[in-house]
Amino acid sequence: MQTVTLPEPTLPPIIQRVWLDERKIKRKVRRIAQQIDRDHAGLNPHLVTVMKGGLFFLTDLARAMTIPHTLDFLAITSYGPKSQSGEVRITKDLDEPIAGRHVIIVEDILDTGLTLAYIYKTLERRKPASLKVCVFLDRPYRRLIDIPIAYKGFDAPDEFLVGYGLDWRQQYRSLPYIGIIKPEVLRADTQG
């Protein structure tokens, strides 16, 4: 059998290189879905993500799962001097009550944990039967608040990443891979 080499994707000019390709992403999503299927067999989990970044991971994860499940969405805004202050306000709440349900918060990336801790505590007060966290990318070295992670994809490098839900100026979320932005682009952005 002959091996076929596919051409590298043409990268947008802001991207230095692909960090995680589409094939690795799909394989990891399938593995996480299989874990959730095993752990939640017969429980009909309710998957919740925060718009907009988590949408791509949630969609792929939901399609890869084989057990019955439901989906819901939150939208938030961070505010304060640098938006990393951890001050969060919900701008779109869940459509369905979660009391007594098995809820999984599905996130694209976990950094400091400030925003996710707020979401976790908010949902925990609504008395779900269980509440777990599923993150595609984790940066444990940036963590300020410890978050219990039940399902994790990859540890992410300390680089500015775009693609697969991650954005730069609200763009590049729909790339099927995750790329690293060129340092000179970020320098120009902070100087301009």
Protein backbone atom coordinates (compact mmCIF):
# COMPACT_ATOMS: atom_id res chain seq x y z
CA MET A 1 0.00 0.00 0.00
CA GLN A 2 1.36 3.39 -0.98
CA THR A 3 1.64 6.14 1.62
CA VAL A 4 0.03 9.39 0.62
CA THR A 5 1.51 12.60 1.98
CA LEU A 6 -0.98 15.39 2.34
CA PRO A 7 0.19 18.95 1.75
CA GLU A 8 0.69 21.16 4.79
CA PRO A 9 -2.12 23.66 5.24
CA THR A 10 -1.41 27.17 4.09
CA LEU A 11 -1.02 29.09 7.32
CA PRO A 12 -2.47 32.53 7.90
CA PRO A 13 0.32 35.13 8.04
CA ILE A 14 0.03 35.56 11.83
CA ILE A 15 0.76 31.90 12.58
CA GLN A 16 4.31 30.76 13.20
CA ARG A 17 3.56 27.03 13.09
CA VAL A 18 0.92 24.39 13.74
CA TRP A 19 1.18 23.13 17.30
CA LEU A 20 -1.63 20.56 17.19
CA ASP A 21 -2.88 19.20 13.89
CA GLU A 22 -6.41 18.16 13.01
CA ARG A 23 -5.65 14.43 13.18
CA LYS A 24 -4.31 14.63 16.76
CA ILE A 25 -7.25 16.79 17.80
CA LYS A 26 -9.79 14.29 16.43
CA ARG A 27 -8.03 11.34 18.03
CA LYS A 28 -7.95 13.02 21.45
CA VAL A 29 -11.61 14.10 21.22
CA ARG A 30 -12.61 10.49 20.46
CA ARG A 31 -10.67 9.24 23.50
CA ILE A 32 -12.29 11.79 25.80
CA ALA A 33 -15.74 10.93 24.40
CA GLN A 34 -15.09 7.24 25.08
CA GLN A 35 -14.15 8.04 28.69
CA ILE A 36 -17.29 10.09 29.19
CA ASP A 37 -19.40 7.34 27.57
CA ARG A 38 -17.98 4.78 30.03
CA ASP A 39 -18.29 7.03 33.09
CA HIS A 40 -21.81 8.25 32.30
CA ALA A 41 -23.48 5.18 30.79
CA GLY A 42 -27.19 5.39 31.60
CA LEU A 43 -26.89 8.89 33.11
CA ASN A 44 -27.74 11.15 30.13
CA PRO A 45 -25.09 13.82 30.90
CA HIS A 46 -25.78 17.49 30.25
CA LEU A 47 -22.81 19.12 28.50
CA VAL A 48 -22.38 22.86 29.13
CA THR A 49 -19.89 25.12 27.40
CA VAL A 50 -19.03 28.77 27.52
CA MET A 51 -19.51 30.65 24.27
CA LYS A 52 -17.65 31.16 22.00
CA GLY A 53 -14.39 29.30 22.44
CA GLY A 54 -15.72 26.01 23.76
CA LEU A 55 -18.23 25.59 20.95
CA PHE A 56 -15.88 23.73 18.58
CA PHE A 57 -14.69 21.24 21.19
CA LEU A 58 -18.23 20.71 22.50
CA THR A 59 -19.58 20.04 19.01
CA ASP A 60 -16.90 17.47 18.16
CA LEU A 61 -17.16 15.85 21.59
CA ALA A 62 -20.95 15.55 21.37
CA ARG A 63 -20.71 13.95 17.91
CA ALA A 64 -18.11 11.47 19.14
CA MET A 65 -20.18 10.38 22.15
CA THR A 66 -22.44 7.36 21.77
CA ILE A 67 -24.58 7.70 24.91
CA PRO A 68 -27.63 10.00 25.09
CA HIS A 69 -26.72 13.51 26.23
CA THR A 70 -27.97 17.09 26.06
CA LEU A 71 -26.21 20.39 25.37
CA ASP A 72 -26.46 23.87 26.83
CA PHE A 73 -24.53 27.13 26.67
CA LEU A 74 -23.42 29.99 28.86
CA ALA A 75 -22.04 33.31 27.72
CA ILE A 76 -19.94 35.41 30.05
CA THR A 77 -18.06 38.63 30.11
CA SER A 78 -14.98 39.33 32.16
CA TYR A 79 -14.57 42.82 33.41
CA GLY A 80 -12.16 44.78 35.50
CA PRO A 81 -8.89 46.53 34.77
CA LYS A 82 -7.29 43.70 32.78
CA SER A 83 -10.11 41.17 32.30
CA GLN A 84 -7.89 38.59 34.03
CA SER A 85 -9.20 39.86 37.34
CA GLY A 86 -11.56 36.94 37.62
CA GLU A 87 -14.58 39.21 37.80
CA VAL A 88 -17.20 37.55 35.65
CA ARG A 89 -20.80 38.25 34.73
CA ILE A 90 -23.12 35.79 32.99
CA THR A 91 -24.64 37.39 29.89
CA LYS A 92 -26.49 34.27 28.67
CA ASP A 93 -27.64 31.71 31.20
CA LEU A 94 -28.48 28.05 30.70
CA ASP A 95 -31.75 27.25 28.97
CA GLU A 96 -32.53 24.26 31.18
CA PRO A 97 -32.43 23.68 34.94
CA ILE A 98 -29.61 21.36 36.05
CA ALA A 99 -30.82 20.28 39.51
CA GLY A 100 -30.42 16.53 39.83
CA ARG A 101 -28.63 16.20 36.47
CA HIS A 102 -25.14 14.99 35.66
CA VAL A 103 -23.40 18.08 34.31
CA ILE A 104 -20.07 18.32 32.51
CA ILE A 105 -18.57 21.76 31.93
CA VAL A 106 -16.74 21.59 28.58
CA GLU A 107 -13.99 24.19 28.11
CA ASP A 108 -11.52 24.89 25.32
CA ILE A 109 -8.65 26.01 27.58
CA LEU A 110 -8.01 26.33 31.30
CA ASP A 111 -5.45 28.93 32.39
CA THR A 112 -5.68 30.71 35.75
CA GLY A 113 -8.92 29.00 36.71
CA LEU A 114 -10.55 32.24 37.86
CA THR A 115 -13.37 32.24 35.31
CA LEU A 116 -13.96 28.50 35.47
CA ALA A 117 -14.03 28.59 39.29
CA TYR A 118 -16.81 31.20 39.10
CA ILE A 119 -18.78 29.08 36.61
CA TYR A 120 -18.21 25.90 38.64
CA LYS A 121 -19.44 27.50 41.86
CA THR A 122 -22.42 29.07 40.09
CA LEU A 123 -23.51 25.72 38.64
CA GLU A 124 -22.72 23.82 41.85
CA ARG A 125 -25.22 26.05 43.74
CA ARG A 126 -27.91 24.78 41.36
CA LYS A 127 -27.56 21.30 42.89
CA PRO A 128 -26.67 19.01 39.98
CA ALA A 129 -26.37 15.29 40.76
CA SER A 130 -22.73 15.57 39.69
CA LEU A 131 -20.55 18.30 38.25
CA LYS A 132 -17.37 17.55 36.31
CA VAL A 133 -14.94 19.56 34.22
CA CYS A 134 -13.67 18.59 30.78
CA VAL A 135 -10.95 20.78 29.25
CA PHE A 136 -9.30 20.33 25.89
CA LEU A 137 -6.20 22.35 26.76
CA ASP A 138 -4.72 22.88 30.20
CA ARG A 139 -2.04 25.29 31.43
CA PRO A 140 -1.51 24.07 35.00
CA TYR A 141 1.54 26.30 35.47
CA ARG A 142 -0.73 29.39 35.20
CA ARG A 143 -3.30 28.15 37.71
CA LEU A 144 -4.31 30.55 40.49
CA ILE A 145 -7.32 28.52 41.65
CA ASP A 146 -7.33 24.75 41.76
CA ILE A 147 -10.05 23.26 39.55
CA PRO A 148 -10.90 19.53 39.63
CA ILE A 149 -10.46 18.27 36.06
CA ALA A 150 -12.15 14.97 35.23
CA TYR A 151 -11.28 14.91 31.51
CA LYS A 152 -8.31 16.58 29.84
CA GLY A 153 -6.92 16.69 26.33
CA PHE A 154 -3.45 18.24 26.25
CA ASP A 155 -1.14 20.40 28.34
CA ALA A 156 -0.70 23.60 26.35
CA PRO A 157 2.56 25.49 25.89
CA ASP A 158 3.04 29.02 27.16
CA GLU A 159 2.37 30.48 23.71
CA PHE A 160 -0.51 32.46 22.22
CA LEU A 161 -2.62 29.79 20.52
CA VAL A 162 -5.32 30.18 17.87
CA GLY A 163 -7.65 27.78 16.11
CA TYR A 164 -10.13 25.11 17.20
CA GLY A 165 -12.14 27.71 19.13
CA LEU A 166 -9.24 29.85 20.32
CA ASP A 167 -9.18 33.31 18.83
CA TRP A 168 -7.05 36.34 18.23
CA ARG A 169 -9.18 39.48 17.97
CA GLN A 170 -12.26 37.26 17.45
CA GLN A 171 -10.68 35.65 14.37
CA TYR A 172 -9.17 32.24 13.52
CA ARG A 173 -11.51 30.23 15.80
CA SER A 174 -12.60 28.04 12.88
CA LEU A 175 -9.13 26.77 11.96
CA PRO A 176 -9.20 22.95 12.17
CA TYR A 177 -5.81 22.92 13.92
CA ILE A 178 -4.21 24.91 16.74
CA GLY A 179 -1.41 27.23 15.74
CA ILE A 180 1.06 29.42 17.56
CA ILE A 181 0.97 33.13 16.77
CA LYS A 182 4.25 34.70 15.69
CA PRO A 183 5.90 36.68 18.53
CA GLU A 184 6.37 39.71 16.27
CA VAL A 185 2.59 39.86 15.69
CA LEU A 186 1.99 39.96 19.42
CA ARG A 187 4.70 42.58 19.96
CA ALA A 188 3.21 44.78 17.24
CA ASP A 189 -0.23 44.31 18.79
CA THR A 190 0.90 45.48 22.23
CA GLN A 191 2.83 48.43 20.82
CA GLY A 192 0.12 49.62 18.45
